N, C-alpha and C. Protein backbone atom coordinates (compact mmCIF):
# COMPACT_ATOMS: atom_id res chain seq x y z
N MET A 1 0.83 -1.18 0.00
CA MET A 1 0.00 0.00 0.00
C MET A 1 0.87 1.24 0.00
N THR A 2 0.44 2.19 -0.77
CA THR A 2 1.20 3.43 -0.79
C THR A 2 0.69 4.37 0.29
N VAL A 3 1.45 5.40 0.54
CA VAL A 3 1.06 6.40 1.55
C VAL A 3 -0.24 7.08 1.15
N VAL A 4 -0.40 7.32 -0.13
CA VAL A 4 -1.62 7.98 -0.61
C VAL A 4 -2.85 7.13 -0.33
N MET A 5 -2.74 5.83 -0.56
CA MET A 5 -3.87 4.93 -0.32
C MET A 5 -4.24 4.90 1.15
N VAL A 6 -3.25 4.90 2.02
CA VAL A 6 -3.50 4.89 3.46
C VAL A 6 -4.20 6.18 3.87
N LEU A 7 -3.72 7.30 3.34
CA LEU A 7 -4.35 8.59 3.66
C LEU A 7 -5.78 8.65 3.15
N GLU A 8 -6.02 8.14 1.94
CA GLU A 8 -7.37 8.16 1.39
C GLU A 8 -8.32 7.34 2.26
N ARG A 9 -7.89 6.16 2.67
CA ARG A 9 -8.74 5.32 3.52
C ARG A 9 -9.02 6.01 4.86
N SER A 10 -8.01 6.64 5.40
CA SER A 10 -8.17 7.35 6.67
C SER A 10 -9.17 8.50 6.53
N MET A 11 -9.06 9.25 5.43
CA MET A 11 -9.96 10.38 5.20
C MET A 11 -11.39 9.90 5.00
N ILE A 12 -11.56 8.83 4.24
CA ILE A 12 -12.91 8.30 3.99
C ILE A 12 -13.53 7.84 5.29
N LYS A 13 -12.77 7.17 6.13
CA LYS A 13 -13.28 6.70 7.42
C LYS A 13 -13.69 7.89 8.28
N SER A 14 -12.86 8.93 8.31
CA SER A 14 -13.18 10.12 9.10
C SER A 14 -14.43 10.80 8.58
N MET A 15 -14.55 10.91 7.26
CA MET A 15 -15.72 11.57 6.67
C MET A 15 -16.99 10.79 6.99
N ASN A 16 -16.93 9.47 6.94
CA ASN A 16 -18.11 8.67 7.24
C ASN A 16 -18.53 8.80 8.70
N GLU A 17 -17.58 8.94 9.60
CA GLU A 17 -17.91 9.12 11.02
C GLU A 17 -18.58 10.47 11.25
N ILE A 18 -18.16 11.47 10.52
CA ILE A 18 -18.68 12.83 10.71
C ILE A 18 -20.05 12.99 10.06
N LYS A 19 -20.30 12.29 8.97
CA LYS A 19 -21.49 12.50 8.15
C LYS A 19 -22.81 12.46 8.91
N GLY A 20 -22.99 11.52 9.82
CA GLY A 20 -24.28 11.31 10.47
C GLY A 20 -24.91 12.56 11.04
N THR A 21 -24.34 13.12 12.09
CA THR A 21 -24.95 14.28 12.74
C THR A 21 -24.73 15.55 11.94
N ASP A 22 -23.58 15.67 11.28
CA ASP A 22 -23.32 16.89 10.51
C ASP A 22 -24.29 17.04 9.36
N MET A 23 -24.63 15.95 8.71
CA MET A 23 -25.57 16.03 7.59
C MET A 23 -26.95 16.46 8.07
N LYS A 24 -27.36 15.95 9.22
CA LYS A 24 -28.67 16.34 9.77
C LYS A 24 -28.68 17.81 10.13
N ASN A 25 -27.62 18.28 10.80
CA ASN A 25 -27.56 19.69 11.18
C ASN A 25 -27.47 20.58 9.95
N HIS A 26 -26.73 20.17 8.94
CA HIS A 26 -26.61 20.93 7.71
C HIS A 26 -27.96 21.03 7.01
N PHE A 27 -28.69 19.92 6.99
CA PHE A 27 -30.02 19.89 6.37
C PHE A 27 -30.98 20.81 7.11
N ARG A 28 -30.97 20.75 8.43
CA ARG A 28 -31.86 21.60 9.22
C ARG A 28 -31.55 23.07 8.99
N ALA A 29 -30.28 23.42 8.98
CA ALA A 29 -29.90 24.81 8.75
C ALA A 29 -30.33 25.25 7.35
N SER A 30 -30.24 24.36 6.40
CA SER A 30 -30.65 24.67 5.03
C SER A 30 -32.16 24.92 4.95
N ILE A 31 -32.93 24.11 5.65
CA ILE A 31 -34.39 24.30 5.67
C ILE A 31 -34.75 25.63 6.32
N VAL A 32 -34.10 25.96 7.43
CA VAL A 32 -34.35 27.24 8.10
C VAL A 32 -34.00 28.40 7.17
N LYS A 33 -32.85 28.29 6.51
CA LYS A 33 -32.42 29.34 5.58
C LYS A 33 -33.44 29.53 4.46
N SER A 34 -33.95 28.44 3.92
CA SER A 34 -34.95 28.52 2.85
C SER A 34 -36.23 29.18 3.35
N GLY A 35 -36.65 28.84 4.56
CA GLY A 35 -37.85 29.45 5.13
C GLY A 35 -37.68 30.95 5.31
N ILE A 36 -36.51 31.36 5.76
CA ILE A 36 -36.24 32.79 5.94
C ILE A 36 -36.24 33.50 4.60
N ARG A 37 -35.66 32.87 3.59
CA ARG A 37 -35.66 33.48 2.24
C ARG A 37 -37.07 33.61 1.69
N ILE A 38 -37.90 32.59 1.91
CA ILE A 38 -39.30 32.66 1.45
C ILE A 38 -40.02 33.81 2.15
N ALA A 39 -39.77 33.97 3.46
CA ALA A 39 -40.37 35.09 4.19
C ALA A 39 -39.87 36.41 3.62
N GLY A 40 -38.58 36.48 3.29
CA GLY A 40 -38.04 37.69 2.67
C GLY A 40 -38.70 38.00 1.34
N CYS A 41 -38.97 36.97 0.56
CA CYS A 41 -39.67 37.17 -0.72
C CYS A 41 -41.09 37.67 -0.50
N TYR A 42 -41.74 37.14 0.51
CA TYR A 42 -43.10 37.61 0.84
C TYR A 42 -43.08 39.10 1.16
N PHE A 43 -42.13 39.51 2.01
CA PHE A 43 -42.03 40.92 2.35
C PHE A 43 -41.71 41.77 1.13
N LEU A 44 -40.92 41.23 0.23
CA LEU A 44 -40.60 41.95 -1.00
C LEU A 44 -41.84 42.14 -1.87
N MET A 45 -42.66 41.11 -1.96
CA MET A 45 -43.88 41.20 -2.77
C MET A 45 -44.92 42.13 -2.16
N THR A 46 -44.88 42.29 -0.84
CA THR A 46 -45.85 43.18 -0.18
C THR A 46 -45.26 44.58 0.04
N HIS A 47 -44.17 44.87 -0.65
CA HIS A 47 -43.52 46.20 -0.65
C HIS A 47 -43.02 46.62 0.72
N GLN A 48 -42.66 45.66 1.54
CA GLN A 48 -42.04 45.96 2.83
C GLN A 48 -40.54 45.72 2.68
N PHE A 49 -39.90 46.68 2.02
CA PHE A 49 -38.53 46.50 1.57
C PHE A 49 -37.52 46.37 2.71
N VAL A 50 -37.73 47.09 3.79
CA VAL A 50 -36.80 47.01 4.91
C VAL A 50 -36.84 45.60 5.51
N MET A 51 -38.04 45.08 5.75
CA MET A 51 -38.16 43.73 6.31
C MET A 51 -37.61 42.69 5.34
N ALA A 52 -37.83 42.90 4.04
CA ALA A 52 -37.30 41.97 3.04
C ALA A 52 -35.78 41.96 3.12
N GLY A 53 -35.18 43.12 3.21
CA GLY A 53 -33.72 43.21 3.32
C GLY A 53 -33.21 42.55 4.58
N VAL A 54 -33.91 42.77 5.68
CA VAL A 54 -33.50 42.16 6.96
C VAL A 54 -33.57 40.64 6.86
N MET A 55 -34.67 40.13 6.31
CA MET A 55 -34.84 38.68 6.22
C MET A 55 -33.78 38.05 5.32
N LEU A 56 -33.49 38.70 4.20
CA LEU A 56 -32.49 38.14 3.30
C LEU A 56 -31.09 38.21 3.90
N ALA A 57 -30.81 39.26 4.68
CA ALA A 57 -29.52 39.35 5.37
C ALA A 57 -29.41 38.27 6.44
N VAL A 58 -30.50 38.04 7.17
CA VAL A 58 -30.49 36.99 8.19
C VAL A 58 -30.28 35.62 7.53
N ALA A 59 -30.89 35.42 6.37
CA ALA A 59 -30.72 34.16 5.64
C ALA A 59 -29.25 33.96 5.26
N GLU A 60 -28.57 35.03 4.92
CA GLU A 60 -27.15 34.91 4.58
C GLU A 60 -26.32 34.52 5.80
N PHE A 61 -26.65 35.10 6.95
CA PHE A 61 -25.95 34.72 8.18
C PHE A 61 -26.20 33.26 8.53
N VAL A 62 -27.43 32.80 8.33
CA VAL A 62 -27.74 31.39 8.57
C VAL A 62 -26.95 30.52 7.59
N GLY A 63 -26.78 31.01 6.36
CA GLY A 63 -25.99 30.27 5.38
C GLY A 63 -24.54 30.13 5.82
N ILE A 64 -24.00 31.17 6.43
CA ILE A 64 -22.63 31.10 6.96
C ILE A 64 -22.58 30.07 8.09
N LEU A 65 -23.55 30.12 8.98
CA LEU A 65 -23.59 29.14 10.08
C LEU A 65 -23.77 27.72 9.55
N GLU A 66 -24.53 27.60 8.47
CA GLU A 66 -24.76 26.29 7.85
C GLU A 66 -23.43 25.66 7.42
N GLU A 67 -22.55 26.47 6.89
CA GLU A 67 -21.26 25.94 6.45
C GLU A 67 -20.37 25.57 7.63
N VAL A 68 -20.55 26.26 8.76
CA VAL A 68 -19.78 25.94 9.95
C VAL A 68 -20.27 24.62 10.56
N VAL A 69 -21.58 24.42 10.54
CA VAL A 69 -22.17 23.19 11.10
C VAL A 69 -21.85 22.08 10.14
């Protein structure tokens, strides 16, 4: 076995161990972000531009947190 093959197996094992809870948290954050964006679109359609901007900005912050989770 080469060093590269050993490293690849090690990385795959680590990724599989992490996937379980991280994937669930990532999915939940993604759903929350989508809901906030939909709310932002609603405010945009009802001409409440300040609230639309706030909601879309909050969605971006949730997107940043989503990548951390």
